[in-house]
Amino acid sequence: MQQITFASLSTARRGFSLLELLLVIFIISLVYFLGFEALGKNDESASSFLAPETLLSEIRNNKLFQGSGTLLCTDNCTQCYFRKDISSPFKSYEGKIALKGTEAYALNRDQSLEKIEYGRYKDQKICLLMHFYTNGSSTKLVLKSDKGFFLLPSYLGTTQHFTSLEEAQNAWIGASSELSRRGDFY
């Protein structure tokens, strides 16, 4: 009678069967799709809200935006509306809004930032009004929030963060001066 030893069993089986390999691949794929995809969705939703630092990109990526439009916020910037053109009615913005207490500033004739008083909409005081144009430009503003001051460029560029209104004003004036000097040829 032939004796089977442990050494002879381990040499007889050298690898996994095709079925075992497919099962391992299936389990790893399932863990990936259930675990990591859900994690990725949470990251997207965490960053997809209207805030001073994300306002430009969020509006341009919103389903309501179709190349141009107007954003209007009321009720201490807790309720926002959007319309695609001047003849369209404002529709309620459905995304998350993190603009509470935001104030808008623009440069006046004296080259200083001045708080903008817009008026009222639906008997609520308007705290923010921005226009987005088909050429990619938008209303240039400085937004003041509890996180600081944010300069929203009118065309191209990214939102800049500042700790004081004076810094934002100097950046606005500096960018305007730089743009006006680009026409110099001599």
Protein backbone atom coordinates (compact mmCIF):
# COMPACT_ATOMS: atom_id res chain seq x y z
CA MET A 1 0.00 0.00 0.00
CA GLN A 2 1.29 3.39 -0.95
CA GLN A 3 1.58 5.99 1.78
CA ILE A 4 0.44 9.55 1.05
CA THR A 5 2.50 12.10 2.84
CA PHE A 6 1.96 15.80 3.34
CA ALA A 7 4.88 16.56 1.04
CA SER A 8 3.34 14.59 -1.82
CA LEU A 9 -0.02 16.43 -1.43
CA SER A 10 1.58 19.86 -1.58
CA THR A 11 3.51 19.02 -4.74
CA ALA A 12 0.43 17.56 -6.41
CA ARG A 13 -1.52 20.85 -6.19
CA ARG A 14 0.53 23.82 -7.34
CA GLY A 15 -2.03 26.55 -8.07
CA PHE A 16 -5.60 27.72 -7.95
CA SER A 17 -8.28 26.38 -10.22
CA LEU A 18 -9.89 28.70 -12.74
CA LEU A 19 -13.09 28.73 -10.72
CA GLU A 20 -11.25 29.82 -7.56
CA LEU A 21 -9.48 32.64 -9.44
CA LEU A 22 -12.74 33.90 -10.93
CA LEU A 23 -14.36 33.87 -7.50
CA VAL A 24 -11.51 35.93 -6.00
CA ILE A 25 -11.71 38.46 -8.86
CA PHE A 26 -15.48 38.72 -8.42
CA ILE A 27 -15.17 39.37 -4.67
CA ILE A 28 -12.47 42.02 -5.15
CA SER A 29 -14.56 43.74 -7.86
CA LEU A 30 -17.64 43.71 -5.68
CA VAL A 31 -15.76 45.27 -2.75
CA TYR A 32 -14.32 47.93 -5.06
CA PHE A 33 -17.64 48.92 -6.64
CA LEU A 34 -19.58 48.94 -3.37
CA GLY A 35 -16.93 50.48 -1.16
CA PHE A 36 -14.87 52.88 -3.23
CA GLU A 37 -17.65 54.11 -5.50
CA ALA A 38 -19.78 55.11 -2.51
CA LEU A 39 -16.76 56.84 -1.00
CA GLY A 40 -16.24 58.79 -4.24
CA LYS A 41 -19.88 59.90 -4.29
CA ASN A 42 -19.56 61.26 -0.76
CA ASP A 43 -16.52 63.29 -1.79
CA GLU A 44 -18.39 64.79 -4.75
CA SER A 45 -21.42 65.77 -2.71
CA ALA A 46 -19.24 67.29 -0.01
CA SER A 47 -17.73 69.73 -2.46
CA SER A 48 -20.83 70.45 -4.56
CA PHE A 49 -22.45 73.41 -2.84
CA LEU A 50 -22.67 77.12 -3.48
CA ALA A 51 -20.06 78.86 -1.36
CA PRO A 52 -17.96 81.95 -2.11
CA GLU A 53 -14.94 79.83 -3.03
CA THR A 54 -16.90 77.42 -5.29
CA LEU A 55 -19.60 79.70 -6.69
CA LEU A 56 -18.22 80.18 -10.22
CA SER A 57 -17.50 76.51 -10.88
CA GLU A 58 -20.75 75.28 -9.30
CA ILE A 59 -22.94 77.59 -11.39
CA ARG A 60 -21.11 76.71 -14.60
CA ASN A 61 -21.49 72.97 -13.82
CA ASN A 62 -25.15 73.21 -12.76
CA LYS A 63 -27.86 71.68 -14.95
CA LEU A 64 -29.74 75.02 -15.01
CA PHE A 65 -26.75 76.79 -16.57
CA GLN A 66 -26.78 76.77 -20.37
CA GLY A 67 -24.07 79.26 -21.32
CA SER A 68 -25.55 82.35 -19.71
CA GLY A 69 -27.81 83.28 -16.84
CA THR A 70 -28.37 85.22 -13.65
CA LEU A 71 -27.94 84.06 -10.06
CA LEU A 72 -29.96 85.88 -7.42
CA CYS A 73 -29.84 85.15 -3.67
CA THR A 74 -32.18 86.45 -0.97
CA ASP A 75 -33.05 85.90 2.68
CA ASN A 76 -29.52 86.57 3.99
CA CYS A 77 -28.17 84.43 1.10
CA THR A 78 -29.91 81.25 2.28
CA GLN A 79 -32.26 81.04 -0.75
CA CYS A 80 -30.97 81.33 -4.33
CA TYR A 81 -32.63 81.48 -7.73
CA PHE A 82 -31.29 81.12 -11.26
CA ARG A 83 -32.61 82.10 -14.68
CA LYS A 84 -31.08 81.20 -18.02
CA ASP A 85 -31.83 84.53 -19.75
CA ILE A 86 -33.60 87.82 -19.15
CA SER A 87 -36.92 86.58 -20.56
CA SER A 88 -36.98 83.44 -18.38
CA PRO A 89 -38.42 83.33 -14.88
CA PHE A 90 -36.16 82.66 -11.91
CA LYS A 91 -36.17 79.03 -10.77
CA SER A 92 -35.21 77.96 -7.28
CA TYR A 93 -31.62 76.70 -7.05
CA GLU A 94 -31.88 73.06 -5.98
CA GLY A 95 -28.30 72.47 -4.77
CA LYS A 96 -26.81 73.02 -1.36
CA ILE A 97 -26.18 76.65 -0.42
CA ALA A 98 -23.43 77.78 1.97
CA LEU A 99 -23.64 81.53 1.45
CA LYS A 100 -25.43 82.56 4.65
CA GLY A 101 -24.39 86.06 5.68
CA THR A 102 -22.44 86.72 2.47
CA GLU A 103 -22.07 90.35 1.42
CA ALA A 104 -21.16 91.53 -2.09
CA TYR A 105 -18.74 94.39 -2.84
CA ALA A 106 -17.78 96.14 -6.08
CA LEU A 107 -15.22 98.79 -6.96
CA ASN A 108 -16.66 102.30 -7.10
CA ARG A 109 -15.39 105.43 -8.95
CA ASP A 110 -13.00 106.25 -6.12
CA GLN A 111 -11.25 102.88 -6.59
CA SER A 112 -12.49 101.53 -3.27
CA LEU A 113 -14.73 98.57 -2.56
CA GLU A 114 -18.27 99.44 -1.62
CA LYS A 115 -21.04 97.14 -0.37
CA ILE A 116 -23.71 96.66 -3.02
CA GLU A 117 -27.37 97.27 -2.17
CA TYR A 118 -29.41 95.42 -4.81
CA GLY A 119 -33.03 95.92 -3.80
CA ARG A 120 -35.71 93.30 -3.22
CA TYR A 121 -37.10 90.14 -4.86
CA LYS A 122 -40.33 88.52 -3.63
CA ASP A 123 -40.27 91.00 -0.75
CA GLN A 124 -36.89 89.67 0.40
CA LYS A 125 -33.71 91.74 0.43
CA ILE A 126 -31.31 90.63 -2.34
CA CYS A 127 -27.84 89.88 -0.99
CA LEU A 128 -26.20 88.66 -4.22
CA LEU A 129 -26.84 89.18 -7.92
CA MET A 130 -24.46 87.79 -10.54
CA HIS A 131 -24.70 87.65 -14.30
CA PHE A 132 -23.01 84.94 -16.38
CA TYR A 133 -22.46 85.64 -20.07
CA THR A 134 -22.05 83.36 -23.10
CA ASN A 135 -18.42 84.45 -23.63
CA GLY A 136 -17.49 82.90 -20.27
CA SER A 137 -17.37 86.14 -18.29
CA SER A 138 -19.39 87.02 -15.21
CA THR A 139 -19.97 89.89 -12.80
CA LYS A 140 -16.74 90.74 -10.99
CA LEU A 141 -17.33 90.86 -7.24
CA VAL A 142 -15.70 90.55 -3.86
CA LEU A 143 -17.72 88.36 -1.52
CA LYS A 144 -17.35 88.70 2.24
CA SER A 145 -18.21 85.63 4.31
CA ASP A 146 -17.24 84.18 7.67
CA LYS A 147 -14.33 82.45 5.87
CA GLY A 148 -12.81 85.69 4.57
CA PHE A 149 -12.95 87.74 1.39
CA PHE A 150 -13.17 86.19 -2.07
CA LEU A 151 -12.41 87.97 -5.34
CA LEU A 152 -14.47 86.43 -8.16
CA PRO A 153 -12.82 87.39 -11.47
CA SER A 154 -14.94 88.63 -14.34
CA TYR A 155 -13.20 86.55 -17.00
CA LEU A 156 -10.98 83.51 -16.67
CA GLY A 157 -8.87 83.00 -13.58
CA THR A 158 -9.85 81.43 -10.32
CA THR A 159 -11.45 82.72 -7.17
CA GLN A 160 -8.87 84.28 -4.86
CA HIS A 161 -9.08 84.22 -1.05
CA PHE A 162 -8.00 87.17 1.13
CA THR A 163 -8.07 87.91 4.84
CA SER A 164 -9.05 91.58 4.53
CA LEU A 165 -11.13 93.81 2.32
CA GLU A 166 -8.07 95.97 1.58
CA GLU A 167 -6.13 92.96 0.21
CA ALA A 168 -9.05 92.06 -2.06
CA GLN A 169 -9.31 95.68 -3.21
CA ASN A 170 -5.58 95.85 -4.02
CA ALA A 171 -5.81 92.58 -5.98
CA TRP A 172 -8.79 93.90 -7.94
CA ILE A 173 -7.03 97.18 -8.76
CA GLY A 174 -3.77 95.36 -9.57
CA ALA A 175 -5.52 92.98 -11.97
CA SER A 176 -7.30 95.91 -13.66
CA SER A 177 -4.02 97.82 -14.04
CA GLU A 178 -2.29 94.77 -15.47
CA LEU A 179 -5.09 94.26 -17.96
CA SER A 180 -5.00 97.90 -19.09
CA ARG A 181 -1.21 97.73 -19.63
CA ARG A 182 -1.52 94.75 -21.98
CA GLY A 183 -2.34 97.12 -24.82
CA ASP A 184 1.05 98.84 -24.59
CA PHE A 185 3.23 98.08 -27.58
CA TYR A 186 6.20 100.41 -27.00
